[in-house]
Amino acid sequence: MSDEKTTGIGQKRLSDQELEIIKKQLLDSIYADIGKSVVKKVLWIGGAVLLALYAWMNAHGFDRGPHA
């Protein structure tokens, strides 16, 4: 009999090192997706705030410049 651990259905069990590598890759992928989502939302909110500020300034006469 071999020293390899199996799952009972003939598949080799992953070593702790292999599991750690897979876990790290999975977490890196999840964190990257979360980061992209957060950045996208921040940019949308920032754009909406800038548009609202522009509209407010336009409505209150701030669009004429210093010599109008």
PDB file of N, CA and C in Angstrom:
ATOM      1  N   MET A   1       0.833  -1.183   0.000  1.00  0.00           N
ATOM      2  CA  MET A   1       0.000   0.000   0.000  1.00  0.00           C
ATOM      3  C   MET A   1       0.875   1.242   0.000  1.00  0.00           C
ATOM      4  N   SER A   2       0.423   2.327  -0.636  1.00  0.00           N
ATOM      5  CA  SER A   2       1.232   3.539  -0.722  1.00  0.00           C
ATOM      6  C   SER A   2       1.000   4.428   0.490  1.00  0.00           C
ATOM      7  N   ASP A   3       1.879   5.413   0.642  1.00  0.00           N
ATOM      8  CA  ASP A   3       1.775   6.357   1.750  1.00  0.00           C
ATOM      9  C   ASP A   3       0.807   7.493   1.457  1.00  0.00           C
ATOM     10  N   GLU A   4       0.319   7.599   0.220  1.00  0.00           N
ATOM     11  CA  GLU A   4      -0.574   8.687  -0.138  1.00  0.00           C
ATOM     12  C   GLU A   4      -1.925   8.510   0.535  1.00  0.00           C
ATOM     13  N   LYS A   5      -2.455   9.625   1.031  1.00  0.00           N
ATOM     14  CA  LYS A   5      -3.787   9.602   1.619  1.00  0.00           C
ATOM     15  C   LYS A   5      -4.797   9.751   0.497  1.00  0.00           C
ATOM     16  N   THR A   6      -5.884   9.010   0.578  1.00  0.00           N
ATOM     17  CA  THR A   6      -6.919   9.112  -0.450  1.00  0.00           C
ATOM     18  C   THR A   6      -8.241   9.450   0.211  1.00  0.00           C
ATOM     19  N   THR A   7      -9.179   9.855  -0.606  1.00  0.00           N
ATOM     20  CA  THR A   7     -10.483  10.246  -0.102  1.00  0.00           C
ATOM     21  C   THR A   7     -11.416   9.063   0.067  1.00  0.00           C
ATOM     22  N   GLY A   8     -11.004   7.904  -0.356  1.00  0.00           N
ATOM     23  CA  GLY A   8     -11.862   6.738  -0.273  1.00  0.00           C
ATOM     24  C   GLY A   8     -12.452   6.379  -1.623  1.00  0.00           C
ATOM     25  N   ILE A   9     -12.343   7.285  -2.573  1.00  0.00           N
ATOM     26  CA  ILE A   9     -12.830   6.988  -3.914  1.00  0.00           C
ATOM     27  C   ILE A   9     -11.684   7.052  -4.916  1.00  0.00           C
ATOM     28  N   GLY A  10     -10.488   6.867  -4.434  1.00  0.00           N
ATOM     29  CA  GLY A  10      -9.325   6.791  -5.296  1.00  0.00           C
ATOM     30  C   GLY A  10      -8.684   8.120  -5.641  1.00  0.00           C
ATOM     31  N   GLN A  11      -9.183   9.210  -5.101  1.00  0.00           N
ATOM     32  CA  GLN A  11      -8.585  10.508  -5.380  1.00  0.00           C
ATOM     33  C   GLN A  11      -7.571  10.854  -4.308  1.00  0.00           C
ATOM     34  N   LYS A  12      -6.453  11.422  -4.736  1.00  0.00           N
ATOM     35  CA  LYS A  12      -5.405  11.829  -3.811  1.00  0.00           C
ATOM     36  C   LYS A  12      -5.874  13.042  -3.008  1.00  0.00           C
ATOM     37  N   ARG A  13      -5.639  13.019  -1.709  1.00  0.00           N
ATOM     38  CA  ARG A  13      -5.950  14.185  -0.876  1.00  0.00           C
ATOM     39  C   ARG A  13      -4.887  15.256  -1.105  1.00  0.00           C
ATOM     40  N   LEU A  14      -5.293  16.484  -1.024  1.00  0.00           N
ATOM     41  CA  LEU A  14      -4.356  17.583  -1.169  1.00  0.00           C
ATOM     42  C   LEU A  14      -3.572  17.767   0.125  1.00  0.00           C
ATOM     43  N   SER A  15      -2.319  18.156  -0.031  1.00  0.00           N
ATOM     44  CA  SER A  15      -1.500  18.414   1.153  1.00  0.00           C
ATOM     45  C   SER A  15      -1.920  19.744   1.762  1.00  0.00           C
ATOM     46  N   ASP A  16      -1.482  19.970   2.984  1.00  0.00           N
ATOM     47  CA  ASP A  16      -1.780  21.246   3.642  1.00  0.00           C
ATOM     48  C   ASP A  16      -1.216  22.411   2.842  1.00  0.00           C
ATOM     49  N   GLN A  17      -0.043  22.236   2.269  1.00  0.00           N
ATOM     50  CA  GLN A  17       0.576  23.288   1.474  1.00  0.00           C
ATOM     51  C   GLN A  17      -0.268  23.578   0.228  1.00  0.00           C
ATOM     52  N   GLU A  18      -0.738  22.531  -0.443  1.00  0.00           N
ATOM     53  CA  GLU A  18      -1.584  22.724  -1.623  1.00  0.00           C
ATOM     54  C   GLU A  18      -2.893  23.421  -1.253  1.00  0.00           C
ATOM     55  N   LEU A  19      -3.469  23.049  -0.126  1.00  0.00           N
ATOM     56  CA  LEU A  19      -4.700  23.687   0.334  1.00  0.00           C
ATOM     57  C   LEU A  19      -4.474  25.163   0.638  1.00  0.00           C
ATOM     58  N   GLU A  20      -3.348  25.489   1.251  1.00  0.00           N
ATOM     59  CA  GLU A  20      -3.023  26.884   1.556  1.00  0.00           C
ATOM     60  C   GLU A  20      -2.860  27.706   0.276  1.00  0.00           C
ATOM     61  N   ILE A  21      -2.228  27.130  -0.731  1.00  0.00           N
ATOM     62  CA  ILE A  21      -2.052  27.832  -2.006  1.00  0.00           C
ATOM     63  C   ILE A  21      -3.404  28.112  -2.648  1.00  0.00           C
ATOM     64  N   ILE A  22      -4.275  27.112  -2.655  1.00  0.00           N
ATOM     65  CA  ILE A  22      -5.614  27.274  -3.229  1.00  0.00           C
ATOM     66  C   ILE A  22      -6.401  28.312  -2.446  1.00  0.00           C
ATOM     67  N   LYS A  23      -6.319  28.244  -1.111  1.00  0.00           N
ATOM     68  CA  LYS A  23      -7.029  29.210  -0.268  1.00  0.00           C
ATOM     69  C   LYS A  23      -6.545  30.627  -0.537  1.00  0.00           C
ATOM     70  N   LYS A  24      -5.233  30.815  -0.654  1.00  0.00           N
ATOM     71  CA  LYS A  24      -4.683  32.143  -0.914  1.00  0.00           C
ATOM     72  C   LYS A  24      -5.150  32.676  -2.264  1.00  0.00           C
ATOM     73  N   GLN A  25      -5.140  31.827  -3.293  1.00  0.00           N
ATOM     74  CA  GLN A  25      -5.581  32.254  -4.617  1.00  0.00           C
ATOM     75  C   GLN A  25      -7.061  32.629  -4.599  1.00  0.00           C
ATOM     76  N   LEU A  26      -7.861  31.853  -3.901  1.00  0.00           N
ATOM     77  CA  LEU A  26      -9.293  32.129  -3.812  1.00  0.00           C
ATOM     78  C   LEU A  26      -9.549  33.449  -3.086  1.00  0.00           C
ATOM     79  N   LEU A  27      -8.884  33.650  -1.952  1.00  0.00           N
ATOM     80  CA  LEU A  27      -9.066  34.893  -1.200  1.00  0.00           C
ATOM     81  C   LEU A  27      -8.573  36.102  -1.987  1.00  0.00           C
ATOM     82  N   ASP A  28      -7.456  35.959  -2.689  1.00  0.00           N
ATOM     83  CA  ASP A  28      -6.952  37.058  -3.523  1.00  0.00           C
ATOM     84  C   ASP A  28      -7.979  37.439  -4.581  1.00  0.00           C
ATOM     85  N   SER A  29      -8.597  36.431  -5.182  1.00  0.00           N
ATOM     86  CA  SER A  29      -9.615  36.679  -6.203  1.00  0.00           C
ATOM     87  C   SER A  29     -10.832  37.376  -5.608  1.00  0.00           C
ATOM     88  N   ILE A  30     -11.278  36.921  -4.454  1.00  0.00           N
ATOM     89  CA  ILE A  30     -12.433  37.524  -3.783  1.00  0.00           C
ATOM     90  C   ILE A  30     -12.131  38.965  -3.406  1.00  0.00           C
ATOM     91  N   TYR A  31     -10.956  39.209  -2.813  1.00  0.00           N
ATOM     92  CA  TYR A  31     -10.595  40.567  -2.416  1.00  0.00           C
ATOM     93  C   TYR A  31     -10.478  41.484  -3.632  1.00  0.00           C
ATOM     94  N   ALA A  32      -9.963  40.977  -4.749  1.00  0.00           N
ATOM     95  CA  ALA A  32      -9.856  41.780  -5.963  1.00  0.00           C
ATOM     96  C   ALA A  32     -11.247  42.156  -6.466  1.00  0.00           C
ATOM     97  N   ASP A  33     -12.176  41.200  -6.448  1.00  0.00           N
ATOM     98  CA  ASP A  33     -13.546  41.486  -6.889  1.00  0.00           C
ATOM     99  C   ASP A  33     -14.220  42.502  -5.974  1.00  0.00           C
ATOM    100  N   ILE A  34     -14.020  42.373  -4.684  1.00  0.00           N
ATOM    101  CA  ILE A  34     -14.606  43.319  -3.725  1.00  0.00           C
ATOM    102  C   ILE A  34     -14.002  44.703  -3.948  1.00  0.00           C
ATOM    103  N   GLY A  35     -12.695  44.759  -4.147  1.00  0.00           N
ATOM    104  CA  GLY A  35     -12.030  46.039  -4.383  1.00  0.00           C
ATOM    105  C   GLY A  35     -12.558  46.733  -5.626  1.00  0.00           C
ATOM    106  N   LYS A  36     -12.749  45.975  -6.709  1.00  0.00           N
ATOM    107  CA  LYS A  36     -13.287  46.558  -7.936  1.00  0.00           C
ATOM    108  C   LYS A  36     -14.687  47.102  -7.703  1.00  0.00           C
ATOM    109  N   SER A  37     -15.481  46.350  -6.955  1.00  0.00           N
ATOM    110  CA  SER A  37     -16.856  46.773  -6.677  1.00  0.00           C
ATOM    111  C   SER A  37     -16.873  48.062  -5.861  1.00  0.00           C
ATOM    112  N   VAL A  38     -16.019  48.138  -4.857  1.00  0.00           N
ATOM    113  CA  VAL A  38     -15.972  49.333  -4.001  1.00  0.00           C
ATOM    114  C   VAL A  38     -15.516  50.546  -4.809  1.00  0.00           C
ATOM    115  N   VAL A  39     -14.478  50.378  -5.620  1.00  0.00           N
ATOM    116  CA  VAL A  39     -13.979  51.492  -6.432  1.00  0.00           C
ATOM    117  C   VAL A  39     -15.060  51.966  -7.391  1.00  0.00           C
ATOM    118  N   LYS A  40     -15.757  51.032  -8.021  1.00  0.00           N
ATOM    119  CA  LYS A  40     -16.819  51.398  -8.963  1.00  0.00           C
ATOM    120  C   LYS A  40     -17.913  52.205  -8.262  1.00  0.00           C
ATOM    121  N   LYS A  41     -18.316  51.779  -7.068  1.00  0.00           N
ATOM    122  CA  LYS A  41     -19.360  52.491  -6.330  1.00  0.00           C
ATOM    123  C   LYS A  41     -18.888  53.877  -5.898  1.00  0.00           C
ATOM    124  N   VAL A  42     -17.650  53.978  -5.449  1.00  0.00           N
ATOM    125  CA  VAL A  42     -17.111  55.280  -5.037  1.00  0.00           C
ATOM    126  C   VAL A  42     -17.077  56.238  -6.224  1.00  0.00           C
ATOM    127  N   LEU A  43     -16.684  55.740  -7.385  1.00  0.00           N
ATOM    128  CA  LEU A  43     -16.644  56.599  -8.568  1.00  0.00           C
ATOM    129  C   LEU A  43     -18.045  57.037  -8.987  1.00  0.00           C
ATOM    130  N   TRP A  44     -19.016  56.146  -8.919  1.00  0.00           N
ATOM    131  CA  TRP A  44     -20.398  56.517  -9.240  1.00  0.00           C
ATOM    132  C   TRP A  44     -20.915  57.586  -8.280  1.00  0.00           C
ATOM    133  N   ILE A  45     -20.678  57.386  -6.999  1.00  0.00           N
ATOM    134  CA  ILE A  45     -21.139  58.352  -5.996  1.00  0.00           C
ATOM    135  C   ILE A  45     -20.433  59.693  -6.191  1.00  0.00           C
ATOM    136  N   GLY A  46     -19.134  59.653  -6.427  1.00  0.00           N
ATOM    137  CA  GLY A  46     -18.377  60.881  -6.664  1.00  0.00           C
ATOM    138  C   GLY A  46     -18.881  61.629  -7.879  1.00  0.00           C
ATOM    139  N   GLY A  47     -19.171  60.905  -8.956  1.00  0.00           N
ATOM    140  CA  GLY A  47     -19.715  61.532 -10.154  1.00  0.00           C
ATOM    141  C   GLY A  47     -21.075  62.160  -9.895  1.00  0.00           C
ATOM    142  N   ALA A  48     -21.920  61.460  -9.150  1.00  0.00           N
ATOM    143  CA  ALA A  48     -23.252  61.994  -8.834  1.00  0.00           C
ATOM    144  C   ALA A  48     -23.142  63.263  -7.991  1.00  0.00           C
ATOM    145  N   VAL A  49     -22.222  63.261  -7.030  1.00  0.00           N
ATOM    146  CA  VAL A  49     -22.018  64.447  -6.191  1.00  0.00           C
ATOM    147  C   VAL A  49     -21.523  65.620  -7.032  1.00  0.00           C
ATOM    148  N   LEU A  50     -20.583  65.368  -7.940  1.00  0.00           N
ATOM    149  CA  LEU A  50     -20.076  66.441  -8.794  1.00  0.00           C
ATOM    150  C   LEU A  50     -21.171  67.005  -9.704  1.00  0.00           C
ATOM    151  N   LEU A  51     -22.002  66.131 -10.262  1.00  0.00           N
ATOM    152  CA  LEU A  51     -23.107  66.607 -11.097  1.00  0.00           C
ATOM    153  C   LEU A  51     -24.103  67.424 -10.282  1.00  0.00           C
ATOM    154  N   ALA A  52     -24.400  66.978  -9.068  1.00  0.00           N
ATOM    155  CA  ALA A  52     -25.330  67.719  -8.208  1.00  0.00           C
ATOM    156  C   ALA A  52     -24.741  69.083  -7.852  1.00  0.00           C
ATOM    157  N   LEU A  53     -23.454  69.120  -7.544  1.00  0.00           N
ATOM    158  CA  LEU A  53     -22.791  70.389  -7.231  1.00  0.00           C
ATOM    159  C   LEU A  53     -22.809  71.321  -8.434  1.00  0.00           C
ATOM    160  N   TYR A  54     -22.539  70.799  -9.603  1.00  0.00           N
ATOM    161  CA  TYR A  54     -22.567  71.601 -10.826  1.00  0.00           C
ATOM    162  C   TYR A  54     -23.966  72.174 -11.056  1.00  0.00           C
ATOM    163  N   ALA A  55     -24.984  71.325 -10.903  1.00  0.00           N
ATOM    164  CA  ALA A  55     -26.364  71.788 -11.101  1.00  0.00           C
ATOM    165  C   ALA A  55     -26.726  72.865 -10.078  1.00  0.00           C
ATOM    166  N   TRP A  56     -26.318  72.659  -8.839  1.00  0.00           N
ATOM    167  CA  TRP A  56     -26.613  73.645  -7.788  1.00  0.00           C
ATOM    168  C   TRP A  56     -25.925  74.977  -8.093  1.00  0.00           C
ATOM    169  N   MET A  57     -24.649  74.906  -8.484  1.00  0.00           N
ATOM    170  CA  MET A  57     -23.911  76.126  -8.795  1.00  0.00           C
ATOM    171  C   MET A  57     -24.516  76.835 -10.007  1.00  0.00           C
ATOM    172  N   ASN A  58     -24.939  76.066 -10.997  1.00  0.00           N
ATOM    173  CA  ASN A  58     -25.580  76.642 -12.175  1.00  0.00           C
ATOM    174  C   ASN A  58     -26.875  77.353 -11.791  1.00  0.00           C
ATOM    175  N   ALA A  59     -27.638  76.740 -10.904  1.00  0.00           N
ATOM    176  CA  ALA A  59     -28.919  77.312 -10.486  1.00  0.00           C
ATOM    177  C   ALA A  59     -28.729  78.583  -9.662  1.00  0.00           C
ATOM    178  N   HIS A  60     -27.582  78.723  -9.023  1.00  0.00           N
ATOM    179  CA  HIS A  60     -27.334  79.882  -8.164  1.00  0.00           C
ATOM    180  C   HIS A  60     -26.396  80.904  -8.796  1.00  0.00           C
ATOM    181  N   GLY A  61     -26.186  80.809 -10.094  1.00  0.00           N
ATOM    182  CA  GLY A  61     -25.443  81.837 -10.807  1.00  0.00           C
ATOM    183  C   GLY A  61     -23.935  81.748 -10.715  1.00  0.00           C
ATOM    184  N   PHE A  62     -23.374  80.611 -10.376  1.00  0.00           N
ATOM    185  CA  PHE A  62     -21.916  80.493 -10.274  1.00  0.00           C
ATOM    186  C   PHE A  62     -21.259  80.116 -11.598  1.00  0.00           C
ATOM    187  N   ASP A  63     -22.035  80.033 -12.692  1.00  0.00           N
ATOM    188  CA  ASP A  63     -21.479  79.616 -13.954  1.00  0.00           C
ATOM    189  C   ASP A  63     -21.021  80.780 -14.829  1.00  0.00           C
ATOM    190  N   ARG A  64     -21.157  81.995 -14.388  1.00  0.00           N
ATOM    191  CA  ARG A  64     -20.880  83.156 -15.221  1.00  0.00           C
ATOM    192  C   ARG A  64     -19.395  83.545 -15.254  1.00  0.00           C
ATOM    193  N   GLY A  65     -18.629  83.108 -14.327  1.00  0.00           N
ATOM    194  CA  GLY A  65     -17.230  83.483 -14.304  1.00  0.00           C
ATOM    195  C   GLY A  65     -17.018  84.765 -13.529  1.00  0.00           C
ATOM    196  N   PRO A  66     -15.770  85.226 -13.339  1.00  0.00           N
ATOM    197  CA  PRO A  66     -15.469  86.371 -12.477  1.00  0.00           C
ATOM    198  C   PRO A  66     -15.825  87.724 -13.098  1.00  0.00           C
ATOM    199  N   HIS A  67     -15.933  87.843 -14.419  1.00  0.00           N
ATOM    200  CA  HIS A  67     -16.137  89.148 -15.044  1.00  0.00           C
ATOM    201  C   HIS A  67     -17.473  89.270 -15.782  1.00  0.00           C
ATOM    202  N   ALA A  68     -18.399  88.451 -15.460  1.00  0.00           N
ATOM    203  CA  ALA A  68     -19.679  88.475 -16.191  1.00  0.00           C
ATOM    204  C   ALA A  68     -20.605  89.520 -15.627  1.00  0.00           C
TER     205      ALA A  68
END
